[in-house]
Amino acid sequence: MWLWVWAMLLLFARLRGVIVLVLHYDTVQLGPELIIRFLVLILITKTIKVNAYNKENVHSSSIKLSNTCLH
């Protein structure tokens, strides 16, 4: 049951953002500590995505620089 709730919350966060999560919280009346844990989880995943994106950008820009130096 709780696994299904977590899956639905993750789906809502990916599709609509935190606003839908708040609406879902009002309709289902989940515990506030669950919402806090979920928001922390969202922040962690966004931070990981940003870090991975920045690493890809740095890597691709260094390849571009090396290509321009060769020509």
PDB file of N, CA and C in Angstrom:
ATOM      1  N   MET A   1       0.823  -1.205   0.000  1.00  0.00           N
ATOM      2  CA  MET A   1       0.000   0.000   0.000  1.00  0.00           C
ATOM      3  C   MET A   1       0.857   1.255   0.000  1.00  0.00           C
ATOM      4  N   TRP A   2       1.836   1.300   0.921  1.00  0.00           N
ATOM      5  CA  TRP A   2       2.687   2.496   0.988  1.00  0.00           C
ATOM      6  C   TRP A   2       3.554   2.632  -0.253  1.00  0.00           C
ATOM      7  N   LEU A   3       3.955   1.493  -0.798  1.00  0.00           N
ATOM      8  CA  LEU A   3       4.757   1.544  -2.023  1.00  0.00           C
ATOM      9  C   LEU A   3       3.959   2.168  -3.154  1.00  0.00           C
ATOM     10  N   TRP A   4       2.680   1.839  -3.233  1.00  0.00           N
ATOM     11  CA  TRP A   4       1.810   2.417  -4.264  1.00  0.00           C
ATOM     12  C   TRP A   4       1.674   3.917  -4.061  1.00  0.00           C
ATOM     13  N   VAL A   5       1.550   4.346  -2.796  1.00  0.00           N
ATOM     14  CA  VAL A   5       1.442   5.784  -2.499  1.00  0.00           C
ATOM     15  C   VAL A   5       2.711   6.500  -2.931  1.00  0.00           C
ATOM     16  N   TRP A   6       3.866   5.913  -2.632  1.00  0.00           N
ATOM     17  CA  TRP A   6       5.138   6.524  -3.034  1.00  0.00           C
ATOM     18  C   TRP A   6       5.246   6.614  -4.554  1.00  0.00           C
ATOM     19  N   ALA A   7       4.824   5.557  -5.248  1.00  0.00           N
ATOM     20  CA  ALA A   7       4.884   5.569  -6.711  1.00  0.00           C
ATOM     21  C   ALA A   7       3.984   6.660  -7.279  1.00  0.00           C
ATOM     22  N   MET A   8       2.799   6.819  -6.719  1.00  0.00           N
ATOM     23  CA  MET A   8       1.885   7.863  -7.187  1.00  0.00           C
ATOM     24  C   MET A   8       2.458   9.251  -6.914  1.00  0.00           C
ATOM     25  N   LEU A   9       3.070   9.425  -5.745  1.00  0.00           N
ATOM     26  CA  LEU A   9       3.661  10.726  -5.415  1.00  0.00           C
ATOM     27  C   LEU A   9       4.807  11.061  -6.359  1.00  0.00           C
ATOM     28  N   LEU A  10       5.645  10.064  -6.658  1.00  0.00           N
ATOM     29  CA  LEU A  10       6.737  10.289  -7.603  1.00  0.00           C
ATOM     30  C   LEU A  10       6.201  10.647  -8.981  1.00  0.00           C
ATOM     31  N   LEU A  11       5.145   9.956  -9.393  1.00  0.00           N
ATOM     32  CA  LEU A  11       4.541  10.237 -10.690  1.00  0.00           C
ATOM     33  C   LEU A  11       3.983  11.650 -10.728  1.00  0.00           C
ATOM     34  N   PHE A  12       3.298  12.050  -9.665  1.00  0.00           N
ATOM     35  CA  PHE A  12       2.750  13.403  -9.604  1.00  0.00           C
ATOM     36  C   PHE A  12       3.863  14.444  -9.664  1.00  0.00           C
ATOM     37  N   ALA A  13       4.958  14.197  -8.956  1.00  0.00           N
ATOM     38  CA  ALA A  13       6.048  15.168  -8.926  1.00  0.00           C
ATOM     39  C   ALA A  13       6.685  15.315 -10.301  1.00  0.00           C
ATOM     40  N   ARG A  14       6.818  14.221 -11.015  1.00  0.00           N
ATOM     41  CA  ARG A  14       7.426  14.281 -12.345  1.00  0.00           C
ATOM     42  C   ARG A  14       6.508  14.988 -13.333  1.00  0.00           C
ATOM     43  N   LEU A  15       5.198  14.779 -13.210  1.00  0.00           N
ATOM     44  CA  LEU A  15       4.279  15.325 -14.207  1.00  0.00           C
ATOM     45  C   LEU A  15       3.933  16.779 -13.938  1.00  0.00           C
ATOM     46  N   ARG A  16       3.623  17.122 -12.720  1.00  0.00           N
ATOM     47  CA  ARG A  16       3.064  18.436 -12.450  1.00  0.00           C
ATOM     48  C   ARG A  16       3.857  19.273 -11.459  1.00  0.00           C
ATOM     49  N   GLY A  17       4.736  18.672 -10.706  1.00  0.00           N
ATOM     50  CA  GLY A  17       5.479  19.445  -9.722  1.00  0.00           C
ATOM     51  C   GLY A  17       4.848  19.370  -8.342  1.00  0.00           C
ATOM     52  N   VAL A  18       5.297  20.267  -7.486  1.00  0.00           N
ATOM     53  CA  VAL A  18       4.918  20.209  -6.072  1.00  0.00           C
ATOM     54  C   VAL A  18       3.464  20.619  -5.864  1.00  0.00           C
ATOM     55  N   ILE A  19       2.885  21.421  -6.774  1.00  0.00           N
ATOM     56  CA  ILE A  19       1.505  21.891  -6.609  1.00  0.00           C
ATOM     57  C   ILE A  19       0.539  20.715  -6.558  1.00  0.00           C
ATOM     58  N   VAL A  20       0.720  19.760  -7.463  1.00  0.00           N
ATOM     59  CA  VAL A  20      -0.152  18.588  -7.476  1.00  0.00           C
ATOM     60  C   VAL A  20       0.062  17.764  -6.212  1.00  0.00           C
ATOM     61  N   LEU A  21       1.302  17.721  -5.748  1.00  0.00           N
ATOM     62  CA  LEU A  21       1.581  17.005  -4.502  1.00  0.00           C
ATOM     63  C   LEU A  21       0.791  17.612  -3.352  1.00  0.00           C
ATOM     64  N   VAL A  22       0.729  18.943  -3.295  1.00  0.00           N
ATOM     65  CA  VAL A  22      -0.024  19.615  -2.233  1.00  0.00           C
ATOM     66  C   VAL A  22      -1.519  19.314  -2.365  1.00  0.00           C
ATOM     67  N   LEU A  23      -2.043  19.350  -3.600  1.00  0.00           N
ATOM     68  CA  LEU A  23      -3.454  19.019  -3.814  1.00  0.00           C
ATOM     69  C   LEU A  23      -3.742  17.578  -3.403  1.00  0.00           C
ATOM     70  N   HIS A  24      -2.824  16.678  -3.749  1.00  0.00           N
ATOM     71  CA  HIS A  24      -2.987  15.272  -3.386  1.00  0.00           C
ATOM     72  C   HIS A  24      -2.955  15.119  -1.865  1.00  0.00           C
ATOM     73  N   TYR A  25      -2.103  15.895  -1.232  1.00  0.00           N
ATOM     74  CA  TYR A  25      -2.011  15.858   0.232  1.00  0.00           C
ATOM     75  C   TYR A  25      -3.335  16.301   0.856  1.00  0.00           C
ATOM     76  N   ASP A  26      -3.977  17.326   0.282  1.00  0.00           N
ATOM     77  CA  ASP A  26      -5.252  17.795   0.818  1.00  0.00           C
ATOM     78  C   ASP A  26      -6.345  16.748   0.659  1.00  0.00           C
ATOM     79  N   THR A  27      -6.349  16.031  -0.452  1.00  0.00           N
ATOM     80  CA  THR A  27      -7.423  15.068  -0.687  1.00  0.00           C
ATOM     81  C   THR A  27      -7.217  13.771   0.092  1.00  0.00           C
ATOM     82  N   VAL A  28      -5.984  13.332   0.238  1.00  0.00           N
ATOM     83  CA  VAL A  28      -5.729  12.034   0.862  1.00  0.00           C
ATOM     84  C   VAL A  28      -5.447  12.165   2.360  1.00  0.00           C
ATOM     85  N   GLN A  29      -4.985  13.344   2.786  1.00  0.00           N
ATOM     86  CA  GLN A  29      -4.632  13.589   4.186  1.00  0.00           C
ATOM     87  C   GLN A  29      -3.523  12.651   4.657  1.00  0.00           C
ATOM     88  N   LEU A  30      -2.413  12.689   3.946  1.00  0.00           N
ATOM     89  CA  LEU A  30      -1.249  11.917   4.383  1.00  0.00           C
ATOM     90  C   LEU A  30      -0.565  12.648   5.533  1.00  0.00           C
ATOM     91  N   GLY A  31       0.278  11.923   6.235  1.00  0.00           N
ATOM     92  CA  GLY A  31       0.996  12.539   7.342  1.00  0.00           C
ATOM     93  C   GLY A  31       2.012  13.559   6.849  1.00  0.00           C
ATOM     94  N   PRO A  32       2.199  14.637   7.593  1.00  0.00           N
ATOM     95  CA  PRO A  32       3.141  15.685   7.157  1.00  0.00           C
ATOM     96  C   PRO A  32       4.582  15.199   7.064  1.00  0.00           C
ATOM     97  N   GLU A  33       4.963  14.246   7.905  1.00  0.00           N
ATOM     98  CA  GLU A  33       6.345  13.758   7.850  1.00  0.00           C
ATOM     99  C   GLU A  33       6.615  13.027   6.539  1.00  0.00           C
ATOM    100  N   LEU A  34       5.592  12.368   5.981  1.00  0.00           N
ATOM    101  CA  LEU A  34       5.753  11.703   4.688  1.00  0.00           C
ATOM    102  C   LEU A  34       5.994  12.735   3.590  1.00  0.00           C
ATOM    103  N   ILE A  35       5.259  13.853   3.651  1.00  0.00           N
ATOM    104  CA  ILE A  35       5.430  14.917   2.661  1.00  0.00           C
ATOM    105  C   ILE A  35       6.828  15.517   2.771  1.00  0.00           C
ATOM    106  N   ILE A  36       7.301  15.730   3.999  1.00  0.00           N
ATOM    107  CA  ILE A  36       8.640  16.302   4.192  1.00  0.00           C
ATOM    108  C   ILE A  36       9.701  15.362   3.632  1.00  0.00           C
ATOM    109  N   ARG A  37       9.566  14.081   3.907  1.00  0.00           N
ATOM    110  CA  ARG A  37      10.521  13.104   3.356  1.00  0.00           C
ATOM    111  C   ARG A  37      10.505  13.124   1.839  1.00  0.00           C
ATOM    112  N   PHE A  38       9.292  13.239   1.286  1.00  0.00           N
ATOM    113  CA  PHE A  38       9.163  13.241  -0.167  1.00  0.00           C
ATOM    114  C   PHE A  38       9.809  14.481  -0.777  1.00  0.00           C
ATOM    115  N   LEU A  39       9.615  15.642  -0.152  1.00  0.00           N
ATOM    116  CA  LEU A  39      10.226  16.872  -0.664  1.00  0.00           C
ATOM    117  C   LEU A  39      11.745  16.793  -0.595  1.00  0.00           C
ATOM    118  N   VAL A  40      12.268  16.203   0.470  1.00  0.00           N
ATOM    119  CA  VAL A  40      13.722  16.009   0.567  1.00  0.00           C
ATOM    120  C   VAL A  40      14.205  15.091  -0.548  1.00  0.00           C
ATOM    121  N   LEU A  41      13.428  14.044  -0.832  1.00  0.00           N
ATOM    122  CA  LEU A  41      13.777  13.127  -1.919  1.00  0.00           C
ATOM    123  C   LEU A  41      13.805  13.855  -3.260  1.00  0.00           C
ATOM    124  N   ILE A  42      12.819  14.754  -3.490  1.00  0.00           N
ATOM    125  CA  ILE A  42      12.796  15.534  -4.732  1.00  0.00           C
ATOM    126  C   ILE A  42      14.042  16.404  -4.832  1.00  0.00           C
ATOM    127  N   LEU A  43      14.400  17.075  -3.736  1.00  0.00           N
ATOM    128  CA  LEU A  43      15.581  17.945  -3.745  1.00  0.00           C
ATOM    129  C   LEU A  43      16.843  17.150  -4.046  1.00  0.00           C
ATOM    130  N   ILE A  44      16.970  15.971  -3.452  1.00  0.00           N
ATOM    131  CA  ILE A  44      18.160  15.141  -3.683  1.00  0.00           C
ATOM    132  C   ILE A  44      18.241  14.715  -5.146  1.00  0.00           C
ATOM    133  N   THR A  45      17.117  14.271  -5.719  1.00  0.00           N
ATOM    134  CA  THR A  45      17.154  13.813  -7.109  1.00  0.00           C
ATOM    135  C   THR A  45      17.422  14.970  -8.059  1.00  0.00           C
ATOM    136  N   LYS A  46      16.875  16.153  -7.776  1.00  0.00           N
ATOM    137  CA  LYS A  46      17.149  17.301  -8.637  1.00  0.00           C
ATOM    138  C   LYS A  46      18.616  17.690  -8.558  1.00  0.00           C
ATOM    139  N   THR A  47      19.202  17.635  -7.358  1.00  0.00           N
ATOM    140  CA  THR A  47      20.617  17.968  -7.204  1.00  0.00           C
ATOM    141  C   THR A  47      21.487  16.988  -7.977  1.00  0.00           C
ATOM    142  N   ILE A  48      21.153  15.702  -7.913  1.00  0.00           N
ATOM    143  CA  ILE A  48      21.928  14.698  -8.646  1.00  0.00           C
ATOM    144  C   ILE A  48      21.819  14.944 -10.148  1.00  0.00           C
ATOM    145  N   LYS A  49      20.605  15.271 -10.627  1.00  0.00           N
ATOM    146  CA  LYS A  49      20.420  15.526 -12.053  1.00  0.00           C
ATOM    147  C   LYS A  49      21.221  16.740 -12.498  1.00  0.00           C
ATOM    148  N   VAL A  50      21.213  17.809 -11.689  1.00  0.00           N
ATOM    149  CA  VAL A  50      21.956  19.025 -12.040  1.00  0.00           C
ATOM    150  C   VAL A  50      23.444  18.734 -12.082  1.00  0.00           C
ATOM    151  N   ASN A  51      23.947  17.977 -11.107  1.00  0.00           N
ATOM    152  CA  ASN A  51      25.368  17.637 -11.091  1.00  0.00           C
ATOM    153  C   ASN A  51      25.757  16.815 -12.314  1.00  0.00           C
ATOM    154  N   ALA A  52      24.930  15.848 -12.680  1.00  0.00           N
ATOM    155  CA  ALA A  52      25.220  15.029 -13.857  1.00  0.00           C
ATOM    156  C   ALA A  52      25.175  15.881 -15.120  1.00  0.00           C
ATOM    157  N   TYR A  53      24.226  16.797 -15.201  1.00  0.00           N
ATOM    158  CA  TYR A  53      24.103  17.674 -16.368  1.00  0.00           C
ATOM    159  C   TYR A  53      25.327  18.572 -16.484  1.00  0.00           C
ATOM    160  N   ASN A  54      25.784  19.125 -15.363  1.00  0.00           N
ATOM    161  CA  ASN A  54      26.963  19.989 -15.389  1.00  0.00           C
ATOM    162  C   ASN A  54      28.206  19.212 -15.806  1.00  0.00           C
ATOM    163  N   LYS A  55      28.351  17.985 -15.351  1.00  0.00           N
ATOM    164  CA  LYS A  55      29.506  17.177 -15.742  1.00  0.00           C
ATOM    165  C   LYS A  55      29.490  16.893 -17.236  1.00  0.00           C
ATOM    166  N   GLU A  56      28.301  16.622 -17.788  1.00  0.00           N
ATOM    167  CA  GLU A  56      28.199  16.380 -19.228  1.00  0.00           C
ATOM    168  C   GLU A  56      28.565  17.631 -20.012  1.00  0.00           C
ATOM    169  N   ASN A  57      28.109  18.787 -19.541  1.00  0.00           N
ATOM    170  CA  ASN A  57      28.413  20.037 -20.236  1.00  0.00           C
ATOM    171  C   ASN A  57      29.902  20.336 -20.216  1.00  0.00           C
ATOM    172  N   VAL A  58      30.529  20.133 -19.072  1.00  0.00           N
ATOM    173  CA  VAL A  58      31.971  20.382 -18.975  1.00  0.00           C
ATOM    174  C   VAL A  58      32.722  19.437 -19.894  1.00  0.00           C
ATOM    175  N   HIS A  59      32.309  18.185 -19.920  1.00  0.00           N
ATOM    176  CA  HIS A  59      32.976  17.194 -20.759  1.00  0.00           C
ATOM    177  C   HIS A  59      32.814  17.543 -22.238  1.00  0.00           C
ATOM    178  N   SER A  60      31.610  17.896 -22.659  1.00  0.00           N
ATOM    179  CA  SER A  60      31.383  18.203 -24.072  1.00  0.00           C
ATOM    180  C   SER A  60      32.089  19.490 -24.473  1.00  0.00           C
ATOM    181  N   SER A  61      32.137  20.484 -23.572  1.00  0.00           N
ATOM    182  CA  SER A  61      32.816  21.729 -23.928  1.00  0.00           C
ATOM    183  C   SER A  61      34.321  21.512 -24.027  1.00  0.00           C
ATOM    184  N   SER A  62      34.890  20.626 -23.198  1.00  0.00           N
ATOM    185  CA  SER A  62      36.323  20.356 -23.300  1.00  0.00           C
ATOM    186  C   SER A  62      36.635  19.619 -24.600  1.00  0.00           C
ATOM    187  N   ILE A  63      35.726  18.758 -25.051  1.00  0.00           N
ATOM    188  CA  ILE A  63      35.920  18.088 -26.339  1.00  0.00           C
ATOM    189  C   ILE A  63      35.883  19.114 -27.468  1.00  0.00           C
ATOM    190  N   LYS A  64      34.942  20.054 -27.384  1.00  0.00           N
ATOM    191  CA  LYS A  64      34.855  21.096 -28.409  1.00  0.00           C
ATOM    192  C   LYS A  64      36.129  21.930 -28.438  1.00  0.00           C
ATOM    193  N   LEU A  65      36.651  22.248 -27.258  1.00  0.00           N
ATOM    194  CA  LEU A  65      37.880  23.035 -27.201  1.00  0.00           C
ATOM    195  C   LEU A  65      39.041  22.276 -27.833  1.00  0.00           C
ATOM    196  N   SER A  66      39.155  20.997 -27.533  1.00  0.00           N
ATOM    197  CA  SER A  66      40.259  20.224 -28.099  1.00  0.00           C
ATOM    198  C   SER A  66      40.101  20.088 -29.613  1.00  0.00           C
ATOM    199  N   ASN A  67      38.871  19.990 -30.097  1.00  0.00           N
ATOM    200  CA  ASN A  67      38.648  19.908 -31.538  1.00  0.00           C
ATOM    201  C   ASN A  67      39.018  21.208 -32.231  1.00  0.00           C
ATOM    202  N   THR A  68      38.702  22.340 -31.604  1.00  0.00           N
ATOM    203  CA  THR A  68      39.028  23.620 -32.243  1.00  0.00           C
ATOM    204  C   THR A  68      40.530  23.864 -32.211  1.00  0.00           C
ATOM    205  N   CYS A  69      41.210  23.382 -31.195  1.00  0.00           N
ATOM    206  CA  CYS A  69      42.661  23.560 -31.138  1.00  0.00           C
ATOM    207  C   CYS A  69      43.360  22.722 -32.208  1.00  0.00           C
ATOM    208  N   LEU A  70      42.799  21.586 -32.553  1.00  0.00           N
ATOM    209  CA  LEU A  70      43.432  20.724 -33.543  1.00  0.00           C
ATOM    210  C   LEU A  70      43.340  21.311 -34.951  1.00  0.00           C
ATOM    211  N   HIS A  71      42.255  22.017 -35.243  1.00  0.00           N
ATOM    212  CA  HIS A  71      42.061  22.508 -36.613  1.00  0.00           C
ATOM    213  C   HIS A  71      42.782  23.807 -36.858  1.00  0.00           C
TER     214      HIS A  71
END
